Amino acid sequence: MTEAVGTPLTGRKVLAMLLGFFALIVLVNGIFLYFALSSFSGLSTENAYLKGLHHNNTLAQGRAQKAAGWNVATAVHRPAPGQPVILRVQVSDREGRALDQLKLTGTLRRPTHEGDDLALDFKALGKGGYRADAPATAGQWDLQLRAKLEDRQDYRWETRLWLK
């Protein structure tokens, strides 16, 4: 039999290996902590607790909006590549009568990016029609509309658009 040749395992070597192991653990934890604090926080709604407390009010507003029976139709058109998108909205009541006296505003939001939101100010075209131009790029967008008729409660409507 042959004997292993080398330096003996001493207490200092064991201590150095043990300290090196824990130093590696602390280093990796520090890297994880850095990325956890510098990346997306996971907060998608500001003041979520307060919004949760007012959820019943939101549900009541939704029921009132449904009872109003308004119909909203949208059409999207881009005249040529690189030109602004033309958004047309048609609003009518339950009986199909056009709603011309609305103050209609909206927002185009990217569902995948923050900061790309576009504010929309619709111009009345008559017969319940409204139009806004938006310099939106191609892709997926959420159209959020808010209509106000005199002193009534706001009517809110949202749909997803695919722009080319």
C-alpha atoms as a PDB file:
ATOM      1  CA  MET A   1       0.000   0.000   0.000  1.00  0.00           C
ATOM      2  CA  THR A   2       1.077   3.488  -0.689  1.00  0.00           C
ATOM      3  CA  GLU A   3       0.594   6.323   1.684  1.00  0.00           C
ATOM      4  CA  ALA A   4      -0.832   9.674   0.608  1.00  0.00           C
ATOM      5  CA  VAL A   5       1.777  12.333   0.455  1.00  0.00           C
ATOM      6  CA  GLY A   6       0.798  15.912   1.282  1.00  0.00           C
ATOM      7  CA  THR A   7       0.422  18.334   4.026  1.00  0.00           C
ATOM      8  CA  PRO A   8      -1.598  17.295   7.032  1.00  0.00           C
ATOM      9  CA  LEU A   9      -5.069  18.746   7.628  1.00  0.00           C
ATOM     10  CA  THR A  10      -4.589  21.201  10.448  1.00  0.00           C
ATOM     11  CA  GLY A  11      -6.970  23.285  12.509  1.00  0.00           C
ATOM     12  CA  ARG A  12      -5.949  26.433  10.629  1.00  0.00           C
ATOM     13  CA  LYS A  13      -6.901  24.888   7.275  1.00  0.00           C
ATOM     14  CA  VAL A  14     -10.267  23.755   8.608  1.00  0.00           C
ATOM     15  CA  LEU A  15     -10.914  27.249  10.040  1.00  0.00           C
ATOM     16  CA  ALA A  16      -9.928  28.863   6.700  1.00  0.00           C
ATOM     17  CA  MET A  17     -12.284  26.521   4.778  1.00  0.00           C
ATOM     18  CA  LEU A  18     -15.121  27.218   7.223  1.00  0.00           C
ATOM     19  CA  LEU A  19     -14.631  31.005   7.031  1.00  0.00           C
ATOM     20  CA  GLY A  20     -14.342  30.833   3.223  1.00  0.00           C
ATOM     21  CA  PHE A  21     -17.603  28.870   3.016  1.00  0.00           C
ATOM     22  CA  PHE A  22     -19.520  31.414   5.105  1.00  0.00           C
ATOM     23  CA  ALA A  23     -17.903  34.328   3.252  1.00  0.00           C
ATOM     24  CA  LEU A  24     -19.210  32.831  -0.006  1.00  0.00           C
ATOM     25  CA  ILE A  25     -22.728  32.505   1.488  1.00  0.00           C
ATOM     26  CA  VAL A  26     -22.670  36.143   2.669  1.00  0.00           C
ATOM     27  CA  LEU A  27     -21.424  37.303  -0.758  1.00  0.00           C
ATOM     28  CA  VAL A  28     -24.186  35.454  -2.638  1.00  0.00           C
ATOM     29  CA  ASN A  29     -26.829  36.768  -0.207  1.00  0.00           C
ATOM     30  CA  GLY A  30     -25.494  40.287  -0.743  1.00  0.00           C
ATOM     31  CA  ILE A  31     -25.816  39.894  -4.519  1.00  0.00           C
ATOM     32  CA  PHE A  32     -29.406  38.630  -4.149  1.00  0.00           C
ATOM     33  CA  LEU A  33     -30.222  41.516  -1.807  1.00  0.00           C
ATOM     34  CA  TYR A  34     -28.818  44.071  -4.260  1.00  0.00           C
ATOM     35  CA  PHE A  35     -30.919  42.752  -7.154  1.00  0.00           C
ATOM     36  CA  ALA A  36     -34.024  42.460  -4.969  1.00  0.00           C
ATOM     37  CA  LEU A  37     -33.801  46.091  -3.880  1.00  0.00           C
ATOM     38  CA  SER A  38     -32.840  47.558  -7.257  1.00  0.00           C
ATOM     39  CA  SER A  39     -35.367  45.755  -9.470  1.00  0.00           C
ATOM     40  CA  PHE A  40     -39.192  45.863  -9.774  1.00  0.00           C
ATOM     41  CA  SER A  41     -40.777  46.194  -6.343  1.00  0.00           C
ATOM     42  CA  GLY A  42     -43.863  44.189  -7.263  1.00  0.00           C
ATOM     43  CA  LEU A  43     -46.130  47.100  -6.355  1.00  0.00           C
ATOM     44  CA  SER A  44     -48.569  47.470  -9.220  1.00  0.00           C
ATOM     45  CA  THR A  45     -51.180  49.614  -7.466  1.00  0.00           C
ATOM     46  CA  GLU A  46     -50.485  52.647  -5.338  1.00  0.00           C
ATOM     47  CA  ASN A  47     -52.521  52.785  -2.108  1.00  0.00           C
ATOM     48  CA  ALA A  48     -53.922  49.283  -2.629  1.00  0.00           C
ATOM     49  CA  TYR A  49     -55.258  49.103   0.930  1.00  0.00           C
ATOM     50  CA  LEU A  50     -57.310  52.297   0.558  1.00  0.00           C
ATOM     51  CA  LYS A  51     -58.596  51.196  -2.830  1.00  0.00           C
ATOM     52  CA  GLY A  52     -59.633  47.908  -1.251  1.00  0.00           C
ATOM     53  CA  LEU A  53     -61.621  49.751   1.404  1.00  0.00           C
ATOM     54  CA  HIS A  54     -63.544  51.611  -1.319  1.00  0.00           C
ATOM     55  CA  HIS A  55     -64.176  48.516  -3.439  1.00  0.00           C
ATOM     56  CA  ASN A  56     -67.893  48.398  -2.575  1.00  0.00           C
ATOM     57  CA  ASN A  57     -68.262  51.962  -3.888  1.00  0.00           C
ATOM     58  CA  THR A  58     -66.568  50.869  -7.112  1.00  0.00           C
ATOM     59  CA  LEU A  59     -68.993  47.952  -7.441  1.00  0.00           C
ATOM     60  CA  ALA A  60     -71.979  50.277  -6.880  1.00  0.00           C
ATOM     61  CA  GLN A  61     -70.675  52.638  -9.568  1.00  0.00           C
ATOM     62  CA  GLY A  62     -70.344  49.686 -11.939  1.00  0.00           C
ATOM     63  CA  ARG A  63     -73.961  48.668 -11.316  1.00  0.00           C
ATOM     64  CA  ALA A  64     -75.143  52.248 -11.907  1.00  0.00           C
ATOM     65  CA  GLN A  65     -73.121  52.403 -15.118  1.00  0.00           C
ATOM     66  CA  LYS A  66     -74.622  49.134 -16.328  1.00  0.00           C
ATOM     67  CA  ALA A  67     -78.113  50.401 -15.491  1.00  0.00           C
ATOM     68  CA  ALA A  68     -77.501  53.510 -17.624  1.00  0.00           C
ATOM     69  CA  GLY A  69     -77.236  51.193 -20.639  1.00  0.00           C
ATOM     70  CA  TRP A  70     -74.790  53.213 -22.690  1.00  0.00           C
ATOM     71  CA  ASN A  71     -73.254  51.562 -25.733  1.00  0.00           C
ATOM     72  CA  VAL A  72     -69.683  52.370 -26.751  1.00  0.00           C
ATOM     73  CA  ALA A  73     -68.120  51.328 -30.052  1.00  0.00           C
ATOM     74  CA  THR A  74     -64.542  52.062 -31.089  1.00  0.00           C
ATOM     75  CA  ALA A  75     -62.771  52.107 -34.424  1.00  0.00           C
ATOM     76  CA  VAL A  76     -59.042  52.533 -35.011  1.00  0.00           C
ATOM     77  CA  HIS A  77     -57.417  53.650 -38.245  1.00  0.00           C
ATOM     78  CA  ARG A  78     -53.839  54.571 -39.177  1.00  0.00           C
ATOM     79  CA  PRO A  79     -53.757  56.390 -42.561  1.00  0.00           C
ATOM     80  CA  ALA A  80     -50.155  55.396 -43.304  1.00  0.00           C
ATOM     81  CA  PRO A  81     -47.227  53.828 -41.452  1.00  0.00           C
ATOM     82  CA  GLY A  82     -45.593  56.299 -39.097  1.00  0.00           C
ATOM     83  CA  GLN A  83     -48.642  58.570 -38.939  1.00  0.00           C
ATOM     84  CA  PRO A  84     -50.781  59.092 -35.821  1.00  0.00           C
ATOM     85  CA  VAL A  85     -53.587  56.676 -35.102  1.00  0.00           C
ATOM     86  CA  ILE A  86     -57.133  57.985 -35.496  1.00  0.00           C
ATOM     87  CA  LEU A  87     -59.431  56.759 -32.723  1.00  0.00           C
ATOM     88  CA  ARG A  88     -63.164  57.073 -33.272  1.00  0.00           C
ATOM     89  CA  VAL A  89     -65.680  56.420 -30.530  1.00  0.00           C
ATOM     90  CA  GLN A  90     -69.440  56.184 -30.991  1.00  0.00           C
ATOM     91  CA  VAL A  91     -71.604  56.530 -27.850  1.00  0.00           C
ATOM     92  CA  SER A  92     -75.345  55.936 -27.629  1.00  0.00           C
ATOM     93  CA  ASP A  93     -77.883  55.340 -24.884  1.00  0.00           C
ATOM     94  CA  ARG A  94     -80.022  52.265 -24.282  1.00  0.00           C
ATOM     95  CA  GLU A  95     -82.519  53.260 -27.014  1.00  0.00           C
ATOM     96  CA  GLY A  96     -79.754  53.904 -29.551  1.00  0.00           C
ATOM     97  CA  ARG A  97     -79.931  57.705 -29.359  1.00  0.00           C
ATOM     98  CA  ALA A  98     -76.596  59.429 -29.885  1.00  0.00           C
ATOM     99  CA  LEU A  99     -75.005  61.098 -26.860  1.00  0.00           C
ATOM    100  CA  ASP A 100     -73.526  64.346 -28.175  1.00  0.00           C
ATOM    101  CA  GLN A 101     -73.043  66.399 -25.016  1.00  0.00           C
ATOM    102  CA  LEU A 102     -70.297  64.269 -23.490  1.00  0.00           C
ATOM    103  CA  LYS A 103     -66.940  65.478 -22.267  1.00  0.00           C
ATOM    104  CA  LEU A 104     -64.911  62.487 -23.433  1.00  0.00           C
ATOM    105  CA  THR A 105     -61.310  61.970 -22.369  1.00  0.00           C
ATOM    106  CA  GLY A 106     -59.118  58.931 -22.476  1.00  0.00           C
ATOM    107  CA  THR A 107     -55.744  57.355 -22.057  1.00  0.00           C
ATOM    108  CA  LEU A 108     -53.824  54.905 -24.193  1.00  0.00           C
ATOM    109  CA  ARG A 109     -51.673  52.770 -21.899  1.00  0.00           C
ATOM    110  CA  ARG A 110     -49.124  50.090 -22.692  1.00  0.00           C
ATOM    111  CA  PRO A 111     -49.948  47.039 -20.603  1.00  0.00           C
ATOM    112  CA  THR A 112     -46.296  46.011 -20.672  1.00  0.00           C
ATOM    113  CA  HIS A 113     -44.484  49.328 -20.113  1.00  0.00           C
ATOM    114  CA  GLU A 114     -44.904  52.134 -17.634  1.00  0.00           C
ATOM    115  CA  GLY A 115     -44.384  55.667 -18.839  1.00  0.00           C
ATOM    116  CA  ASP A 116     -45.673  55.207 -22.405  1.00  0.00           C
ATOM    117  CA  ASP A 117     -49.160  56.519 -21.557  1.00  0.00           C
ATOM    118  CA  LEU A 118     -50.787  58.907 -24.013  1.00  0.00           C
ATOM    119  CA  ALA A 119     -53.513  61.320 -22.888  1.00  0.00           C
ATOM    120  CA  LEU A 120     -56.395  61.658 -25.338  1.00  0.00           C
ATOM    121  CA  ASP A 121     -58.763  64.595 -25.712  1.00  0.00           C
ATOM    122  CA  PHE A 122     -61.676  63.650 -27.927  1.00  0.00           C
ATOM    123  CA  LYS A 123     -63.381  66.160 -30.216  1.00  0.00           C
ATOM    124  CA  ALA A 124     -67.119  65.833 -30.844  1.00  0.00           C
ATOM    125  CA  LEU A 125     -68.053  64.957 -34.428  1.00  0.00           C
ATOM    126  CA  GLY A 126     -71.831  64.983 -33.923  1.00  0.00           C
ATOM    127  CA  LYS A 127     -74.348  62.119 -33.836  1.00  0.00           C
ATOM    128  CA  GLY A 128     -72.563  60.587 -30.826  1.00  0.00           C
ATOM    129  CA  GLY A 129     -69.215  60.396 -32.587  1.00  0.00           C
ATOM    130  CA  TYR A 130     -65.904  61.492 -31.103  1.00  0.00           C
ATOM    131  CA  ARG A 131     -62.381  61.524 -32.515  1.00  0.00           C
ATOM    132  CA  ALA A 132     -58.853  61.731 -31.126  1.00  0.00           C
ATOM    133  CA  ASP A 133     -55.467  61.421 -32.807  1.00  0.00           C
ATOM    134  CA  ALA A 134     -52.648  59.651 -30.979  1.00  0.00           C
ATOM    135  CA  PRO A 135     -48.967  59.218 -31.907  1.00  0.00           C
ATOM    136  CA  ALA A 136     -49.086  55.596 -30.764  1.00  0.00           C
ATOM    137  CA  THR A 137     -46.593  53.050 -32.035  1.00  0.00           C
ATOM    138  CA  ALA A 138     -47.584  49.600 -33.202  1.00  0.00           C
ATOM    139  CA  GLY A 139     -48.378  46.996 -30.589  1.00  0.00           C
ATOM    140  CA  GLN A 140     -50.773  46.257 -27.780  1.00  0.00           C
ATOM    141  CA  TRP A 141     -52.492  49.153 -25.963  1.00  0.00           C
ATOM    142  CA  ASP A 142     -55.274  49.558 -23.406  1.00  0.00           C
ATOM    143  CA  LEU A 143     -57.781  52.287 -24.243  1.00  0.00           C
ATOM    144  CA  GLN A 144     -59.388  53.761 -21.129  1.00  0.00           C
ATOM    145  CA  LEU A 145     -62.282  56.161 -21.719  1.00  0.00           C
ATOM    146  CA  ARG A 146     -64.011  58.473 -19.291  1.00  0.00           C
ATOM    147  CA  ALA A 147     -67.239  60.185 -20.320  1.00  0.00           C
ATOM    148  CA  LYS A 148     -68.969  62.898 -18.342  1.00  0.00           C
ATOM    149  CA  LEU A 149     -72.521  64.022 -19.064  1.00  0.00           C
ATOM    150  CA  GLU A 150     -73.477  67.210 -17.211  1.00  0.00           C
ATOM    151  CA  ASP A 151     -73.611  66.476 -13.483  1.00  0.00           C
ATOM    152  CA  ARG A 152     -74.020  62.717 -13.746  1.00  0.00           C
ATOM    153  CA  GLN A 153     -71.549  60.137 -12.545  1.00  0.00           C
ATOM    154  CA  ASP A 154     -68.592  59.404 -14.832  1.00  0.00           C
ATOM    155  CA  TYR A 155     -68.968  56.566 -17.311  1.00  0.00           C
ATOM    156  CA  ARG A 156     -65.779  54.517 -17.616  1.00  0.00           C
ATOM    157  CA  TRP A 157     -64.975  52.036 -20.316  1.00  0.00           C
ATOM    158  CA  GLU A 158     -61.865  50.068 -21.197  1.00  0.00           C
ATOM    159  CA  THR A 159     -60.788  47.851 -24.083  1.00  0.00           C
ATOM    160  CA  ARG A 160     -57.576  46.375 -25.439  1.00  0.00           C
ATOM    161  CA  LEU A 161     -56.369  47.483 -28.873  1.00  0.00           C
ATOM    162  CA  TRP A 162     -53.796  46.001 -31.246  1.00  0.00           C
ATOM    163  CA  LEU A 163     -52.312  48.751 -33.366  1.00  0.00           C
ATOM    164  CA  LYS A 164     -50.454  48.061 -36.601  1.00  0.00           C
END
